[in-house]
Protein backbone atom coordinates (compact mmCIF):
# COMPACT_ATOMS: atom_id res chain seq x y z
CA MET A 1 20.68 -2.76 34.26
CA SER A 2 23.51 -3.01 31.75
CA ASP A 3 24.59 -0.27 29.40
CA LEU A 4 22.93 -2.17 26.67
CA HIS A 5 19.58 -1.98 28.36
CA TRP A 6 16.66 -0.83 25.89
CA LYS A 7 12.97 -0.31 25.95
CA THR A 8 10.01 -1.13 23.59
CA GLY A 9 6.31 -0.25 23.44
CA ILE A 10 5.22 -2.78 21.27
CA THR A 11 4.77 -6.19 22.76
CA LYS A 12 5.21 -7.50 26.34
CA THR A 13 6.23 -11.16 26.60
CA GLN A 14 6.15 -12.91 30.09
CA PRO A 15 5.65 -16.89 31.01
CA ASN A 16 2.17 -17.82 29.58
CA THR A 17 1.41 -13.92 28.63
CA ILE A 18 1.93 -12.01 25.29
CA SER A 19 0.36 -8.33 25.16
CA LEU A 20 0.15 -6.37 22.16
CA ARG A 21 0.13 -2.64 23.10
CA GLY A 22 -1.17 -3.90 26.50
CA TYR A 23 -3.85 -6.22 25.04
CA PRO A 24 -3.37 -10.05 25.65
CA ILE A 25 -2.78 -11.47 22.32
CA ASP A 26 -5.13 -14.70 23.20
CA GLN A 27 -7.80 -12.23 24.10
CA LEU A 28 -7.58 -10.51 20.78
CA MET A 29 -7.84 -13.78 18.81
CA GLY A 30 -11.11 -14.46 17.64
CA ARG A 31 -12.70 -10.68 18.59
CA VAL A 32 -10.50 -8.77 16.26
CA SER A 33 -9.75 -8.91 12.43
CA PHE A 34 -6.03 -9.19 11.04
CA SER A 35 -6.46 -5.62 9.93
CA GLN A 36 -7.59 -4.63 13.49
CA ALA A 37 -4.70 -5.93 14.86
CA VAL A 38 -2.32 -4.42 12.36
CA TYR A 39 -3.62 -1.01 13.06
CA LEU A 40 -3.03 -1.58 16.55
CA ALA A 41 0.49 -2.51 16.25
CA LEU A 42 1.21 0.45 14.13
CA LYS A 43 -0.88 2.88 16.06
CA GLY A 44 -0.90 1.66 19.58
CA GLU A 45 -5.02 1.69 19.66
CA PHE A 46 -7.80 -0.05 18.04
CA PRO A 47 -9.34 1.48 15.15
CA THR A 48 -13.14 2.68 15.04
CA PRO A 49 -15.42 0.00 13.23
CA GLU A 50 -15.43 2.40 10.20
CA ALA A 51 -11.55 2.92 10.20
CA GLY A 52 -11.23 -1.01 10.37
CA ARG A 53 -13.58 -1.26 7.58
CA LEU A 54 -11.57 1.06 5.43
CA VAL A 55 -8.08 -0.64 6.38
CA ASP A 56 -9.55 -4.26 5.57
CA ALA A 57 -10.53 -2.58 2.00
CA ILE A 58 -7.04 -1.27 1.58
CA PHE A 59 -5.54 -4.81 2.33
CA VAL A 60 -7.83 -6.63 -0.04
CA SER A 61 -7.17 -3.64 -2.85
CA SER A 62 -3.46 -4.60 -2.95
CA ILE A 63 -3.61 -8.43 -2.34
CA ASP A 64 -2.42 -9.18 -6.03
CA HIS A 65 -1.96 -7.92 -9.47
CA GLY A 66 -1.42 -10.82 -11.65
CA ALA A 67 2.00 -12.65 -13.07
CA SER A 68 3.87 -9.75 -14.32
CA PRO A 69 4.80 -7.37 -11.48
CA PRO A 70 8.58 -7.29 -10.84
CA SER A 71 7.65 -8.47 -7.26
CA VAL A 72 5.90 -11.70 -8.64
CA LEU A 73 8.67 -12.32 -11.15
CA ALA A 74 11.28 -12.15 -8.47
CA ALA A 75 9.47 -14.38 -6.10
CA ARG A 76 8.86 -17.06 -9.04
CA THR A 77 12.53 -16.81 -10.29
CA VAL A 78 13.80 -17.67 -6.90
CA ALA A 79 11.15 -20.20 -6.46
CA SER A 80 12.00 -21.60 -9.62
CA THR A 81 15.56 -22.16 -8.55
CA GLY A 82 14.82 -24.30 -5.78
CA GLY A 83 14.46 -21.77 -3.27
CA GLU A 84 12.61 -22.30 -0.11
CA LEU A 85 9.34 -20.16 0.59
CA ASN A 86 10.82 -17.55 2.88
CA ALA A 87 13.60 -16.74 0.29
CA ALA A 88 11.33 -16.65 -2.67
CA VAL A 89 8.63 -14.58 -0.70
CA ALA A 90 11.78 -12.28 0.43
CA ALA A 91 13.01 -11.86 -2.86
CA GLY A 92 9.61 -10.74 -4.00
CA VAL A 93 9.37 -8.14 -1.18
CA LEU A 94 12.74 -6.81 -1.70
CA ALA A 95 11.71 -5.85 -5.44
CA ILE A 96 9.05 -3.46 -3.78
CA SER A 97 10.44 -0.26 -4.05
CA ARG A 98 10.03 3.29 -5.72
CA PHE A 99 8.61 2.47 -9.17
CA HIS A 100 6.64 -1.01 -8.13
CA GLY A 101 4.20 -0.68 -4.76
CA GLY A 102 6.68 2.08 -3.18
CA ALA A 103 4.68 5.03 -4.46
CA ILE A 104 2.50 5.36 -1.03
CA GLU A 105 4.91 6.76 1.14
CA GLU A 106 5.94 9.34 -1.39
CA GLY A 107 2.21 9.95 -2.36
CA MET A 108 1.57 10.80 1.51
CA GLN A 109 4.63 13.09 1.38
CA LEU A 110 3.36 14.93 -1.76
CA PHE A 111 -0.12 15.64 0.15
CA LEU A 112 1.73 16.59 3.57
CA ALA A 113 3.80 19.23 1.32
CA MET A 114 0.38 20.46 -0.18
CA GLU A 115 -1.07 20.92 3.15
CA ARG A 116 2.06 23.11 4.42
CA ARG A 117 1.69 25.05 1.40
CA MET A 118 -2.00 25.67 2.11
CA THR A 119 -1.16 26.46 5.72
CA GLU A 120 2.07 28.59 5.15
CA LYS A 121 0.97 30.30 1.78
CA SER A 122 -2.67 30.52 2.54
CA GLN A 123 -3.38 28.90 -0.74
CA SER A 124 -6.58 26.99 -2.16
CA VAL A 125 -5.99 23.36 -2.53
CA ALA A 126 -6.02 23.82 -6.33
CA GLN A 127 -3.07 26.57 -5.95
CA ALA A 128 -1.12 24.45 -3.62
CA ALA A 129 -1.34 21.59 -5.70
CA GLU A 130 -0.24 23.25 -9.19
CA ALA A 131 2.63 24.92 -6.90
CA VAL A 132 3.99 21.89 -5.54
CA LEU A 133 3.61 19.74 -8.60
CA GLU A 134 5.78 22.82 -10.45
CA GLU A 135 8.21 22.47 -8.09
CA MET A 136 8.71 18.78 -8.26
CA LYS A 137 8.96 19.38 -12.14
CA ALA A 138 11.57 22.00 -12.09
CA ALA A 139 13.61 19.70 -9.83
CA GLY A 140 13.16 16.55 -11.96
CA ARG A 141 10.74 14.87 -9.78
CA ARG A 142 7.81 12.71 -10.76
CA ALA A 143 4.68 12.68 -8.79
CA SER A 144 4.14 9.27 -7.20
CA GLY A 145 0.49 7.70 -7.14
CA PHE A 146 -0.75 8.87 -10.54
CA GLY A 147 -0.91 6.97 -13.62
CA HIS A 148 -0.44 3.10 -14.50
CA ARG A 149 0.89 0.99 -17.03
CA LEU A 150 -2.30 -1.02 -17.57
CA HIS A 151 -5.18 0.59 -16.35
CA THR A 152 -6.50 3.88 -17.67
CA ARG A 153 -8.65 4.10 -14.70
CA ASP A 154 -7.85 2.07 -11.76
CA PRO A 155 -10.94 0.23 -10.48
CA ARG A 156 -9.45 -0.08 -7.05
CA THR A 157 -9.25 3.81 -6.64
CA GLU A 158 -12.91 4.70 -7.13
CA LYS A 159 -13.98 1.89 -4.84
CA LEU A 160 -11.57 2.82 -2.22
CA PHE A 161 -12.74 6.34 -2.39
CA GLY A 162 -16.30 5.57 -2.71
CA LEU A 163 -16.20 3.45 0.59
CA ALA A 164 -14.04 6.40 2.28
CA ALA A 165 -16.96 8.71 1.46
CA GLU A 166 -19.64 6.20 2.80
CA LEU A 167 -17.60 5.61 6.01
CA GLY A 168 -16.82 9.44 6.71
CA PHE A 169 -13.19 9.49 5.62
CA ALA A 170 -13.38 11.47 2.35
CA GLY A 171 -11.73 14.48 3.88
CA ARG A 172 -9.06 17.41 2.88
CA TYR A 173 -6.22 14.56 1.77
CA VAL A 174 -8.85 12.90 -0.82
CA GLN A 175 -9.59 16.66 -1.98
CA MET A 176 -5.91 16.99 -2.42
CA ALA A 177 -5.48 13.86 -4.33
CA ARG A 178 -8.39 14.95 -6.69
CA ALA A 179 -6.56 18.28 -7.13
CA ALA A 180 -3.41 17.09 -7.62
CA GLU A 181 -4.77 14.60 -10.37
CA ALA A 182 -6.32 17.64 -12.01
CA ALA A 183 -3.11 19.59 -11.78
CA LEU A 184 -0.96 16.97 -13.46
CA GLY A 185 -3.76 16.85 -16.26
CA LYS A 186 -3.42 20.34 -17.05
CA GLN A 187 0.63 20.42 -16.39
CA LEU A 188 0.90 17.10 -18.63
CA GLY A 189 -1.65 18.02 -21.35
CA LYS A 190 -3.15 14.60 -20.43
CA PRO A 191 -5.04 12.86 -17.82
CA LEU A 192 -3.06 10.77 -15.20
CA PRO A 193 -5.45 9.25 -12.99
CA ILE A 194 -4.94 8.38 -9.57
CA ASN A 195 -3.98 4.89 -9.01
CA VAL A 196 -4.64 2.69 -6.26
CA ASP A 197 -1.09 3.69 -4.49
CA GLY A 198 -2.30 7.37 -4.61
CA ALA A 199 -5.63 6.62 -3.02
CA ILE A 200 -3.88 4.53 -0.19
CA ALA A 201 -1.70 7.36 0.08
CA ALA A 202 -4.57 9.88 0.83
CA LEU A 203 -6.53 7.48 2.73
CA LEU A 204 -3.68 6.59 4.97
CA CYS A 205 -3.21 10.39 5.71
CA GLU A 206 -7.02 10.75 6.50
CA LEU A 207 -6.30 7.81 8.94
CA GLY A 208 -3.25 9.89 10.42
CA PHE A 209 -0.57 7.18 9.91
CA PRO A 210 3.11 8.69 9.15
CA PRO A 211 4.30 8.48 5.86
CA GLU A 212 7.24 6.45 7.00
CA VAL A 213 4.87 3.41 7.33
CA GLY A 214 2.60 4.14 4.17
CA ASN A 215 4.77 1.46 1.75
CA ALA A 216 4.15 -1.46 4.71
CA PHE A 217 0.02 -1.56 3.74
CA PHE A 218 1.25 -2.76 0.37
CA ILE A 219 3.84 -5.08 1.64
CA ILE A 220 1.44 -6.43 4.09
CA ALA A 221 -1.05 -6.78 1.60
CA ARG A 222 0.98 -8.06 -1.02
CA VAL A 223 2.46 -11.33 0.64
CA PRO A 224 -0.19 -13.57 0.32
CA GLY A 225 -0.26 -13.21 -3.24
CA LEU A 226 3.46 -13.85 -3.34
CA VAL A 227 2.94 -16.98 -1.40
CA ALA A 228 0.44 -18.32 -3.75
CA HIS A 229 2.52 -17.33 -6.80
CA VAL A 230 5.58 -19.05 -5.35
CA ARG A 231 3.20 -22.31 -4.56
CA GLU A 232 1.74 -22.23 -8.15
CA GLU A 233 5.56 -22.16 -9.44
CA LYS A 234 6.80 -24.68 -7.41
CA THR A 235 3.78 -26.96 -8.41
CA ARG A 236 3.02 -26.50 -11.78
CA GLU A 237 6.35 -25.22 -13.56
CA LYS A 238 9.62 -27.14 -14.32
CA PRO A 239 12.59 -26.04 -12.13
CA MET A 240 14.91 -23.38 -13.37
CA ARG A 241 13.06 -22.17 -16.49
CA LYS A 242 13.20 -19.04 -18.29
CA ILE A 243 10.33 -16.88 -17.16
CA HIS A 244 8.90 -14.51 -19.67
CA PRO A 245 7.36 -11.35 -18.13
CA GLU A 246 4.71 -10.91 -20.79
CA ASP A 247 4.01 -14.44 -22.48
CA PHE A 248 1.66 -15.93 -20.04
CA GLU A 249 -1.96 -16.85 -19.96
CA TYR A 250 -4.45 -16.86 -17.22
CA ASP A 251 -6.51 -20.31 -17.00
CA GLY A 252 -8.06 -19.62 -13.53
CA PRO A 253 -11.88 -19.33 -12.90
CA GLY A 254 -14.00 -17.14 -14.85
CA GLU A 255 -15.41 -14.02 -13.22
CA ARG A 256 -17.56 -15.03 -10.40
CA GLU A 257 -20.09 -12.78 -8.14
CA VAL A 258 -18.97 -11.93 -4.68
């Protein structure tokens, strides 16, 4: 072995064989969902059926949010210049950052900080929430995962939390999210509801994921939506157009029953 030799524990590839975390991919095909495969890739083990359903719901919750988010505008702008699919989608992914789609990691850090406070200071969840949020306010830091520029009550949040309760994952981190929501409302003097990023942050903590991979769940979920917007831009609009961030109209199907 050379001095440049290194190791990986994710995928083993040999002639005629590809194994993800030890499982032959051809045996996984047709037997596990894409969400289960993502879970396997990130954690090294399969999710329980209940965890698999919850991860499925997390991905669906963030697949798209209309034509106005910065990631969609970035992707459409590059597509409008004639950029290839990979370049346009990459532009959209690169627009996902702290203030757009990047709140999941910071939300997870918030809940873990509350947990440490509860352990080290023997505080209740409400006390820990108030203390951590006051420290953040004093440092000029905002709490990620709360409030939304459009929704006063994010419909995805209650659906995710309801499903988590049904599947047995509405534990201490969901309780922390609720306590932080109440503490923020008290601190600000107005409601600041948990948004979908905050809900996902709490549920990923419940599932035992590290904060460093939190934003990956938004990125993975949003890529199909970005592809759809890039395709629509290329097939419906003129090249090199000025893309208005608000002056657009939805003309797709009306509301349909699932």
